[in-house]
Amino acid sequence: MTVTTVHMLRHGEVHNPDHVMYGRLPGYNLSPSGRRMAERVAKAVSDRDIVHLVSSPLERARQTSAPLAEALGLSVHIDDRLLEAENSFQGKPFGPGDRAWAHPTAWPRLRNPFRPSWGEPYRVIASRMLAAAWAARDAAEGREAVCVSHQLPIWTLRRLVERKPLAHVPTHRQCGLASLTSITFDGDKVIKVLYSEPAGPEPEGTTPGA
């Protein structure tokens, strides 16, 4: 069998002063801090055997991938399967004190947290993310690949390959900004999952985002 590692990289901090649940909305770019995070990740992995680089089509992911492309001398491939999850609260304010989810009109969307009823089903996210990871594994066979994506999709994929229930408490996700969730395959079998924060922990005052 051939051992290949696919690193799932979450994008850096986004400029979002209005604390909007931006989801798949266009126009949300990395903040200056987010750009520095991306540069630190690129520096940290520049000596690894990475031969394939893929990104979600959203701006924040492509901007996170740019320093890696430069450091590694690679082109960035776009894969829609790495997109942020669909969310019916997209465009709503979700900052401190904002409770869009608490309005009675939102309650029908909260009826089933195990699916979840407010957005793209976990099983659908897991399926497309696994397909993207397999494609990256095949492209980098025997070496390493990086896929730039988003917190919920990465965490859902991790729970899938670790054979854990996909439903979870959002505040318990181990997937910080600009973090790496590294999945090592031996052929078709996942043999190891590692988590790291090459850009360092999120600074105090960072806006986590999506």
C-alpha atoms as a PDB file:
ATOM      1  CA  MET A   1       0.000   0.000   0.000  1.00  0.00           C
ATOM      2  CA  THR A   2       0.989   3.661  -0.483  1.00  0.00           C
ATOM      3  CA  VAL A   3       1.012   6.083   2.456  1.00  0.00           C
ATOM      4  CA  THR A   4      -0.332   9.559   1.608  1.00  0.00           C
ATOM      5  CA  THR A   5      -1.207  12.466   3.902  1.00  0.00           C
ATOM      6  CA  VAL A   6      -3.947  14.973   3.152  1.00  0.00           C
ATOM      7  CA  HIS A   7      -3.837  18.106   5.313  1.00  0.00           C
ATOM      8  CA  MET A   8      -7.193  19.839   5.751  1.00  0.00           C
ATOM      9  CA  LEU A   9      -6.375  23.503   6.395  1.00  0.00           C
ATOM     10  CA  ARG A  10      -8.991  25.829   7.812  1.00  0.00           C
ATOM     11  CA  HIS A  11      -8.786  29.384   6.430  1.00  0.00           C
ATOM     12  CA  GLY A  12      -7.508  32.311   8.493  1.00  0.00           C
ATOM     13  CA  GLU A  13      -9.490  35.029  10.246  1.00  0.00           C
ATOM     14  CA  VAL A  14     -12.041  36.899   8.114  1.00  0.00           C
ATOM     15  CA  HIS A  15     -12.759  40.642   8.179  1.00  0.00           C
ATOM     16  CA  ASN A  16     -16.297  40.624   9.560  1.00  0.00           C
ATOM     17  CA  PRO A  17     -16.878  43.664  11.806  1.00  0.00           C
ATOM     18  CA  ASP A  18     -20.663  43.221  11.733  1.00  0.00           C
ATOM     19  CA  HIS A  19     -20.434  39.619  12.989  1.00  0.00           C
ATOM     20  CA  VAL A  20     -22.529  38.235  10.140  1.00  0.00           C
ATOM     21  CA  MET A  21     -23.025  34.506   9.652  1.00  0.00           C
ATOM     22  CA  TYR A  22     -21.487  34.766   6.191  1.00  0.00           C
ATOM     23  CA  GLY A  23     -21.521  31.106   5.162  1.00  0.00           C
ATOM     24  CA  ARG A  24     -21.205  30.968   1.383  1.00  0.00           C
ATOM     25  CA  LEU A  25     -21.797  34.693   0.807  1.00  0.00           C
ATOM     26  CA  PRO A  26     -19.241  36.326  -1.507  1.00  0.00           C
ATOM     27  CA  GLY A  27     -17.096  39.280  -0.514  1.00  0.00           C
ATOM     28  CA  TYR A  28     -15.779  38.036   2.841  1.00  0.00           C
ATOM     29  CA  ASN A  29     -12.001  38.317   2.759  1.00  0.00           C
ATOM     30  CA  LEU A  30      -9.199  37.604   5.197  1.00  0.00           C
ATOM     31  CA  SER A  31      -8.429  40.267   7.779  1.00  0.00           C
ATOM     32  CA  PRO A  32      -4.814  41.467   8.147  1.00  0.00           C
ATOM     33  CA  SER A  33      -4.500  38.959  11.005  1.00  0.00           C
ATOM     34  CA  GLY A  34      -5.910  36.227   8.770  1.00  0.00           C
ATOM     35  CA  ARG A  35      -3.336  36.981   6.082  1.00  0.00           C
ATOM     36  CA  ARG A  36      -0.559  36.722   8.645  1.00  0.00           C
ATOM     37  CA  MET A  37      -1.962  33.381   9.781  1.00  0.00           C
ATOM     38  CA  ALA A  38      -1.848  32.093   6.192  1.00  0.00           C
ATOM     39  CA  GLU A  39       1.747  33.279   5.812  1.00  0.00           C
ATOM     40  CA  ARG A  40       2.796  31.534   9.045  1.00  0.00           C
ATOM     41  CA  VAL A  41       1.213  28.269   7.885  1.00  0.00           C
ATOM     42  CA  ALA A  42       3.002  28.531   4.534  1.00  0.00           C
ATOM     43  CA  LYS A  43       6.325  29.033   6.292  1.00  0.00           C
ATOM     44  CA  ALA A  44       5.668  26.146   8.678  1.00  0.00           C
ATOM     45  CA  VAL A  45       4.906  23.597   5.942  1.00  0.00           C
ATOM     46  CA  SER A  46       7.291  24.835   3.240  1.00  0.00           C
ATOM     47  CA  ASP A  47       9.744  21.983   3.877  1.00  0.00           C
ATOM     48  CA  ARG A  48       7.121  19.230   3.741  1.00  0.00           C
ATOM     49  CA  ASP A  49       6.642  16.930   0.753  1.00  0.00           C
ATOM     50  CA  ILE A  50       3.467  18.685  -0.422  1.00  0.00           C
ATOM     51  CA  VAL A  51       2.840  18.266  -4.156  1.00  0.00           C
ATOM     52  CA  HIS A  52      -0.867  19.102  -4.519  1.00  0.00           C
ATOM     53  CA  LEU A  53      -2.832  22.141  -3.312  1.00  0.00           C
ATOM     54  CA  VAL A  54      -6.622  22.468  -3.437  1.00  0.00           C
ATOM     55  CA  SER A  55      -9.005  25.159  -2.190  1.00  0.00           C
ATOM     56  CA  SER A  56     -12.649  25.872  -1.624  1.00  0.00           C
ATOM     57  CA  PRO A  57     -13.794  28.497  -4.157  1.00  0.00           C
ATOM     58  CA  LEU A  58     -14.664  31.046  -1.457  1.00  0.00           C
ATOM     59  CA  GLU A  59     -12.418  34.111  -1.181  1.00  0.00           C
ATOM     60  CA  ARG A  60     -11.164  33.436   2.343  1.00  0.00           C
ATOM     61  CA  ALA A  61     -10.011  29.944   1.392  1.00  0.00           C
ATOM     62  CA  ARG A  62      -8.323  31.029  -1.849  1.00  0.00           C
ATOM     63  CA  GLN A  63      -6.552  33.852  -0.014  1.00  0.00           C
ATOM     64  CA  THR A  64      -5.329  31.377   2.609  1.00  0.00           C
ATOM     65  CA  SER A  65      -4.004  29.094  -0.112  1.00  0.00           C
ATOM     66  CA  ALA A  66      -2.084  31.863  -1.923  1.00  0.00           C
ATOM     67  CA  PRO A  67       0.994  32.007   0.384  1.00  0.00           C
ATOM     68  CA  LEU A  68       1.210  28.201   0.289  1.00  0.00           C
ATOM     69  CA  ALA A  69       1.137  28.212  -3.502  1.00  0.00           C
ATOM     70  CA  GLU A  70       4.003  30.695  -3.541  1.00  0.00           C
ATOM     71  CA  ALA A  71       6.055  28.907  -0.892  1.00  0.00           C
ATOM     72  CA  LEU A  72       5.569  25.469  -2.435  1.00  0.00           C
ATOM     73  CA  GLY A  73       5.678  26.484  -6.087  1.00  0.00           C
ATOM     74  CA  LEU A  74       2.267  24.928  -6.760  1.00  0.00           C
ATOM     75  CA  SER A  75      -0.879  25.898  -8.608  1.00  0.00           C
ATOM     76  CA  VAL A  76      -4.116  26.084  -6.622  1.00  0.00           C
ATOM     77  CA  HIS A  77      -6.860  23.729  -7.799  1.00  0.00           C
ATOM     78  CA  ILE A  78     -10.458  24.650  -6.917  1.00  0.00           C
ATOM     79  CA  ASP A  79     -12.810  21.956  -5.614  1.00  0.00           C
ATOM     80  CA  ASP A  80     -16.427  22.897  -4.863  1.00  0.00           C
ATOM     81  CA  ARG A  81     -16.690  19.894  -2.528  1.00  0.00           C
ATOM     82  CA  LEU A  82     -14.568  21.852  -0.024  1.00  0.00           C
ATOM     83  CA  LEU A  83     -17.196  24.609   0.279  1.00  0.00           C
ATOM     84  CA  GLU A  84     -18.581  25.872   3.559  1.00  0.00           C
ATOM     85  CA  ALA A  85     -21.765  24.120   4.668  1.00  0.00           C
ATOM     86  CA  GLU A  86     -25.118  25.541   3.645  1.00  0.00           C
ATOM     87  CA  ASN A  87     -26.844  27.346   6.530  1.00  0.00           C
ATOM     88  CA  SER A  88     -30.303  28.920   6.596  1.00  0.00           C
ATOM     89  CA  PHE A  89     -29.024  31.581   9.039  1.00  0.00           C
ATOM     90  CA  GLN A  90     -26.595  32.866   6.417  1.00  0.00           C
ATOM     91  CA  GLY A  91     -26.594  36.667   6.315  1.00  0.00           C
ATOM     92  CA  LYS A  92     -27.937  37.026   9.870  1.00  0.00           C
ATOM     93  CA  PRO A  93     -25.994  38.769  12.661  1.00  0.00           C
ATOM     94  CA  PHE A  94     -24.443  36.301  15.102  1.00  0.00           C
ATOM     95  CA  GLY A  95     -22.141  38.483  17.161  1.00  0.00           C
ATOM     96  CA  PRO A  96     -22.164  39.062  20.927  1.00  0.00           C
ATOM     97  CA  GLY A  97     -25.740  39.800  21.992  1.00  0.00           C
ATOM     98  CA  ASP A  98     -27.225  38.770  18.624  1.00  0.00           C
ATOM     99  CA  ARG A  99     -29.703  35.927  18.928  1.00  0.00           C
ATOM    100  CA  ALA A 100     -31.173  35.371  15.480  1.00  0.00           C
ATOM    101  CA  TRP A 101     -31.734  31.748  16.441  1.00  0.00           C
ATOM    102  CA  ALA A 102     -33.905  32.778  19.422  1.00  0.00           C
ATOM    103  CA  HIS A 103     -36.609  34.533  17.371  1.00  0.00           C
ATOM    104  CA  PRO A 104     -39.814  32.436  17.128  1.00  0.00           C
ATOM    105  CA  THR A 105     -39.611  32.488  13.323  1.00  0.00           C
ATOM    106  CA  ALA A 106     -36.331  30.562  13.572  1.00  0.00           C
ATOM    107  CA  TRP A 107     -37.602  27.793  15.829  1.00  0.00           C
ATOM    108  CA  PRO A 108     -38.832  25.469  13.055  1.00  0.00           C
ATOM    109  CA  ARG A 109     -35.287  25.407  11.711  1.00  0.00           C
ATOM    110  CA  LEU A 110     -33.975  24.161  15.066  1.00  0.00           C
ATOM    111  CA  ARG A 111     -36.251  21.156  15.364  1.00  0.00           C
ATOM    112  CA  ASN A 112     -33.556  18.531  14.697  1.00  0.00           C
ATOM    113  CA  PRO A 113     -29.965  19.321  15.771  1.00  0.00           C
ATOM    114  CA  PHE A 114     -28.840  15.824  14.778  1.00  0.00           C
ATOM    115  CA  ARG A 115     -29.426  16.400  11.038  1.00  0.00           C
ATOM    116  CA  PRO A 116     -29.099  19.479  11.401  1.00  0.00           C
ATOM    117  CA  SER A 117     -32.432  20.949  10.333  1.00  0.00           C
ATOM    118  CA  TRP A 118     -31.019  24.490   9.886  1.00  0.00           C
ATOM    119  CA  GLY A 119     -28.565  23.572   7.167  1.00  0.00           C
ATOM    120  CA  GLU A 120     -26.806  21.020   4.995  1.00  0.00           C
ATOM    121  CA  PRO A 121     -27.118  17.518   6.490  1.00  0.00           C
ATOM    122  CA  TYR A 122     -23.971  16.250   8.187  1.00  0.00           C
ATOM    123  CA  ARG A 123     -24.016  13.065   6.088  1.00  0.00           C
ATOM    124  CA  VAL A 124     -23.979  15.156   2.889  1.00  0.00           C
ATOM    125  CA  ILE A 125     -21.079  17.288   4.151  1.00  0.00           C
ATOM    126  CA  ALA A 126     -19.172  14.171   5.179  1.00  0.00           C
ATOM    127  CA  SER A 127     -19.722  12.489   1.812  1.00  0.00           C
ATOM    128  CA  ARG A 128     -18.493  15.408  -0.304  1.00  0.00           C
ATOM    129  CA  MET A 129     -15.540  16.133   1.980  1.00  0.00           C
ATOM    130  CA  LEU A 130     -14.435  12.495   1.917  1.00  0.00           C
ATOM    131  CA  ALA A 131     -14.650  12.525  -1.879  1.00  0.00           C
ATOM    132  CA  ALA A 132     -12.485  15.680  -1.954  1.00  0.00           C
ATOM    133  CA  ALA A 133      -9.970  14.082   0.416  1.00  0.00           C
ATOM    134  CA  TRP A 134      -9.812  10.928  -1.730  1.00  0.00           C
ATOM    135  CA  ALA A 135      -9.242  13.027  -4.863  1.00  0.00           C
ATOM    136  CA  ALA A 136      -6.400  14.905  -3.153  1.00  0.00           C
ATOM    137  CA  ARG A 137      -4.945  11.613  -1.905  1.00  0.00           C
ATOM    138  CA  ASP A 138      -4.951  10.210  -5.435  1.00  0.00           C
ATOM    139  CA  ALA A 139      -3.330  13.372  -6.849  1.00  0.00           C
ATOM    140  CA  ALA A 140      -0.534  13.274  -4.241  1.00  0.00           C
ATOM    141  CA  GLU A 141      -0.116   9.506  -4.086  1.00  0.00           C
ATOM    142  CA  GLY A 142       2.763   8.579  -1.800  1.00  0.00           C
ATOM    143  CA  ARG A 143       3.382  12.199  -0.805  1.00  0.00           C
ATOM    144  CA  GLU A 144       1.282  15.027   0.745  1.00  0.00           C
ATOM    145  CA  ALA A 145      -1.569  17.357  -0.240  1.00  0.00           C
ATOM    146  CA  VAL A 146      -3.255  20.392   1.323  1.00  0.00           C
ATOM    147  CA  CYS A 147      -6.977  21.153   1.013  1.00  0.00           C
ATOM    148  CA  VAL A 148      -8.132  24.580   2.237  1.00  0.00           C
ATOM    149  CA  SER A 149     -11.668  24.446   3.580  1.00  0.00           C
ATOM    150  CA  HIS A 150     -13.884  25.561   6.474  1.00  0.00           C
ATOM    151  CA  GLN A 151     -14.436  24.588  10.088  1.00  0.00           C
ATOM    152  CA  LEU A 152     -17.677  22.596   9.966  1.00  0.00           C
ATOM    153  CA  PRO A 153     -16.785  20.594   6.832  1.00  0.00           C
ATOM    154  CA  ILE A 154     -13.326  19.740   8.198  1.00  0.00           C
ATOM    155  CA  TRP A 155     -14.682  18.750  11.596  1.00  0.00           C
ATOM    156  CA  THR A 156     -17.429  16.638  10.023  1.00  0.00           C
ATOM    157  CA  LEU A 157     -14.855  14.807   7.894  1.00  0.00           C
ATOM    158  CA  ARG A 158     -12.692  14.192  10.942  1.00  0.00           C
ATOM    159  CA  ARG A 159     -15.612  12.706  12.866  1.00  0.00           C
ATOM    160  CA  LEU A 160     -16.417  10.493   9.876  1.00  0.00           C
ATOM    161  CA  VAL A 161     -12.916   9.044   9.500  1.00  0.00           C
ATOM    162  CA  GLU A 162     -12.615   8.609  13.275  1.00  0.00           C
ATOM    163  CA  ARG A 163     -15.922   6.707  13.194  1.00  0.00           C
ATOM    164  CA  LYS A 164     -17.675   9.086  15.565  1.00  0.00           C
ATOM    165  CA  PRO A 165     -21.287  10.313  15.342  1.00  0.00           C
ATOM    166  CA  LEU A 166     -21.511  13.248  12.956  1.00  0.00           C
ATOM    167  CA  ALA A 167     -23.883  15.234  15.198  1.00  0.00           C
ATOM    168  CA  HIS A 168     -21.931  17.284  17.727  1.00  0.00           C
ATOM    169  CA  VAL A 169     -21.848  20.411  19.886  1.00  0.00           C
ATOM    170  CA  PRO A 170     -20.438  23.252  17.733  1.00  0.00           C
ATOM    171  CA  THR A 171     -18.487  24.795  20.610  1.00  0.00           C
ATOM    172  CA  HIS A 172     -16.554  21.518  21.067  1.00  0.00           C
ATOM    173  CA  ARG A 173     -14.919  21.498  17.637  1.00  0.00           C
ATOM    174  CA  GLN A 174     -11.131  21.204  17.607  1.00  0.00           C
ATOM    175  CA  CYS A 175     -10.561  23.202  14.436  1.00  0.00           C
ATOM    176  CA  GLY A 176      -9.070  26.624  15.091  1.00  0.00           C
ATOM    177  CA  LEU A 177      -8.376  29.275  12.490  1.00  0.00           C
ATOM    178  CA  ALA A 178      -5.519  28.283  10.153  1.00  0.00           C
ATOM    179  CA  SER A 179      -5.281  24.871  11.824  1.00  0.00           C
ATOM    180  CA  LEU A 180      -4.351  21.610  10.118  1.00  0.00           C
ATOM    181  CA  THR A 181      -6.282  18.373  10.432  1.00  0.00           C
ATOM    182  CA  SER A 182      -3.898  15.874   8.844  1.00  0.00           C
ATOM    183  CA  ILE A 183      -5.339  12.577   7.606  1.00  0.00           C
ATOM    184  CA  THR A 184      -2.883   9.847   6.655  1.00  0.00           C
ATOM    185  CA  PHE A 185      -4.052   7.105   4.306  1.00  0.00           C
ATOM    186  CA  ASP A 186      -2.452   3.730   3.679  1.00  0.00           C
ATOM    187  CA  GLY A 187      -4.137   2.965   0.391  1.00  0.00           C
ATOM    188  CA  ASP A 188      -7.851   3.382   1.099  1.00  0.00           C
ATOM    189  CA  LYS A 189      -7.478   2.999   4.863  1.00  0.00           C
ATOM    190  CA  VAL A 190      -7.140   5.928   7.274  1.00  0.00           C
ATOM    191  CA  ILE A 191      -4.292   5.048   9.624  1.00  0.00           C
ATOM    192  CA  LYS A 192      -3.771   8.323  11.494  1.00  0.00           C
ATOM    193  CA  VAL A 193      -5.410  11.697  12.173  1.00  0.00           C
ATOM    194  CA  LEU A 194      -3.364  14.516  13.691  1.00  0.00           C
ATOM    195  CA  TYR A 195      -4.336  18.062  14.633  1.00  0.00           C
ATOM    196  CA  SER A 196      -1.934  20.999  14.748  1.00  0.00           C
ATOM    197  CA  GLU A 197      -1.913  24.793  14.793  1.00  0.00           C
ATOM    198  CA  PRO A 198       1.127  25.856  12.758  1.00  0.00           C
ATOM    199  CA  ALA A 199       0.020  29.494  12.838  1.00  0.00           C
ATOM    200  CA  GLY A 200      -0.162  29.361  16.625  1.00  0.00           C
ATOM    201  CA  PRO A 201      -3.286  29.598  18.821  1.00  0.00           C
ATOM    202  CA  GLU A 202      -5.940  32.145  17.948  1.00  0.00           C
ATOM    203  CA  PRO A 203      -4.902  35.512  19.437  1.00  0.00           C
ATOM    204  CA  GLU A 204      -7.126  37.107  22.046  1.00  0.00           C
ATOM    205  CA  GLY A 205      -9.848  39.138  20.342  1.00  0.00           C
ATOM    206  CA  THR A 206      -9.840  37.007  17.189  1.00  0.00           C
ATOM    207  CA  THR A 207     -13.187  36.657  15.458  1.00  0.00           C
ATOM    208  CA  PRO A 208     -13.578  32.874  14.940  1.00  0.00           C
ATOM    209  CA  GLY A 209     -16.031  33.084  12.023  1.00  0.00           C
ATOM    210  CA  ALA A 210     -16.918  30.103   9.860  1.00  0.00           C
END
